Amino acid sequence: MSIKDNITKFNDLVAVALTDTVGTMWCAYAFAILALISLPDAIHAGLATTISWIAQTFLQLVLLSVIMVGQEVQARKTESRAQQDHDTILAEFAEIKAMHVELTSLHEDKAGCGYIQSEQ
């Protein structure tokens, strides 16, 4: 492996580890607590500071994790639906194959009785 490949692999591992950690509700709770520590100072500083605190501190910290969790939930639902669709399609395909075999058998039976002339 080249140095570039090793660096890429390391960066991928770090990114996945951070994403797995930050994308949890526990991290959202921790960020909310961390953000709330500075809320009293923001309130005492006035309305503009409080609004700024809400937009820049609370929403950005907490919603980051909540959105990541929501995306994971949506991905799991999508995967589940895709698996159900796959299973349904395979069952229908098996049924169609069975019908094809039965029709082929009926065709061969009729051809043998002289009802259908087979091409040779």
Protein backbone atom coordinates (compact mmCIF):
# COMPACT_ATOMS: atom_id res chain seq x y z
CA MET A 1 0.00 0.00 0.00
CA SER A 2 1.18 3.47 -0.78
CA ILE A 3 1.41 6.27 1.74
CA LYS A 4 -1.51 7.99 0.03
CA ASP A 5 -3.66 4.85 0.42
CA ASN A 6 -2.71 4.59 4.10
CA ILE A 7 -3.60 8.23 4.69
CA THR A 8 -6.92 7.81 2.88
CA LYS A 9 -7.71 4.69 4.92
CA PHE A 10 -6.82 6.49 8.16
CA ASN A 11 -8.96 9.49 7.22
CA ASP A 12 -11.87 7.21 6.37
CA LEU A 13 -11.59 5.44 9.73
CA VAL A 14 -11.50 8.74 11.63
CA ALA A 15 -14.46 10.10 9.66
CA VAL A 16 -16.55 6.99 10.28
CA ALA A 17 -15.65 6.93 13.99
CA LEU A 18 -16.57 10.59 14.41
CA THR A 19 -19.79 10.18 12.44
CA ASP A 20 -20.77 7.13 14.51
CA THR A 21 -20.13 9.10 17.70
CA VAL A 22 -21.66 12.45 16.77
CA GLY A 23 -24.65 10.85 15.05
CA THR A 24 -26.22 9.56 18.28
CA MET A 25 -28.94 10.92 20.51
CA TRP A 26 -26.53 10.64 23.44
CA CYS A 27 -24.27 13.12 21.69
CA ALA A 28 -27.27 15.38 21.03
CA TYR A 29 -28.08 15.30 24.76
CA ALA A 30 -24.45 16.07 25.63
CA PHE A 31 -24.37 18.96 23.15
CA ALA A 32 -27.66 20.31 24.57
CA ILE A 33 -26.22 20.27 28.09
CA LEU A 34 -23.02 21.88 26.87
CA ALA A 35 -24.98 24.59 25.06
CA LEU A 36 -27.29 25.21 28.04
CA ILE A 37 -24.29 25.99 30.24
CA SER A 38 -23.84 29.28 28.37
CA LEU A 39 -27.56 30.14 28.22
CA PRO A 40 -27.68 32.24 31.42
CA ASP A 41 -24.85 34.46 30.16
CA ALA A 42 -26.64 34.89 26.83
CA ILE A 43 -29.90 35.85 28.56
CA HIS A 44 -28.16 38.41 30.79
CA ALA A 45 -26.43 39.94 27.75
CA GLY A 46 -29.76 40.83 26.12
CA LEU A 47 -32.18 39.76 23.42
CA ALA A 48 -29.76 39.99 20.49
CA THR A 49 -27.23 37.80 22.27
CA THR A 50 -29.92 35.31 23.26
CA ILE A 51 -31.12 35.03 19.66
CA SER A 52 -27.55 34.66 18.50
CA TRP A 53 -26.98 31.97 21.14
CA ILE A 54 -30.06 30.04 19.96
CA ALA A 55 -29.04 30.19 16.29
CA GLN A 56 -25.30 29.76 16.60
CA THR A 57 -24.90 27.58 19.64
CA PHE A 58 -27.96 25.56 20.51
CA LEU A 59 -29.40 24.84 17.08
CA GLN A 60 -26.08 24.11 15.41
CA LEU A 61 -24.78 21.85 18.17
CA VAL A 62 -27.95 19.92 18.93
CA LEU A 63 -29.51 19.73 15.50
CA LEU A 64 -26.31 18.37 13.98
CA SER A 65 -26.64 15.15 15.95
CA VAL A 66 -30.43 14.99 15.71
CA ILE A 67 -30.35 15.32 11.92
CA MET A 68 -27.69 12.62 11.68
CA VAL A 69 -29.81 10.30 13.82
CA GLY A 70 -32.87 11.08 11.69
CA GLN A 71 -30.98 10.26 8.52
CA GLU A 72 -29.88 6.93 10.01
CA VAL A 73 -33.48 6.09 10.95
CA GLN A 74 -34.65 6.98 7.44
CA ALA A 75 -31.87 4.88 5.92
CA ARG A 76 -32.88 1.87 8.02
CA LYS A 77 -36.52 2.27 6.94
CA THR A 78 -35.47 2.55 3.30
CA GLU A 79 -33.29 -0.56 3.62
CA SER A 80 -36.18 -2.44 5.22
CA ARG A 81 -38.55 -1.42 2.41
CA ALA A 82 -35.97 -2.39 -0.20
CA GLN A 83 -35.55 -5.81 1.43
CA GLN A 84 -39.33 -6.32 1.52
CA ASP A 85 -39.59 -5.36 -2.15
CA HIS A 86 -36.73 -7.73 -2.99
CA ASP A 87 -38.38 -10.60 -1.11
CA THR A 88 -41.73 -9.90 -2.82
CA ILE A 89 -40.14 -9.81 -6.27
CA LEU A 90 -38.29 -13.08 -5.64
CA ALA A 91 -41.52 -14.75 -4.47
CA GLU A 92 -43.36 -13.50 -7.56
CA PHE A 93 -40.50 -14.65 -9.78
CA ALA A 94 -40.64 -18.14 -8.22
CA GLU A 95 -44.40 -18.23 -8.81
CA ILE A 96 -43.98 -17.16 -12.45
CA LYS A 97 -41.29 -19.81 -12.97
CA ALA A 98 -43.62 -22.46 -11.52
CA MET A 99 -46.42 -21.30 -13.82
CA HIS A 100 -44.02 -21.41 -16.78
CA VAL A 101 -43.03 -24.98 -15.94
CA GLU A 102 -46.68 -25.97 -15.64
CA LEU A 103 -47.58 -24.32 -18.94
CA THR A 104 -44.62 -25.94 -20.67
CA SER A 105 -45.73 -29.32 -19.28
CA LEU A 106 -49.30 -28.77 -20.49
CA HIS A 107 -48.01 -27.72 -23.90
CA GLU A 108 -45.87 -30.85 -24.15
CA ASP A 109 -48.78 -33.05 -23.03
CA LYS A 110 -51.10 -31.57 -25.66
CA ALA A 111 -48.41 -31.83 -28.33
CA GLY A 112 -48.02 -35.52 -27.53
CA CYS A 113 -51.78 -36.09 -27.92
CA GLY A 114 -51.90 -34.53 -31.37
CA TYR A 115 -53.70 -31.34 -30.30
CA ILE A 116 -50.74 -29.15 -31.09
CA GLN A 117 -48.35 -29.92 -33.85
CA SER A 118 -44.82 -29.30 -32.70
CA GLU A 119 -42.33 -27.87 -35.13
CA GLN A 120 -39.38 -30.07 -35.96
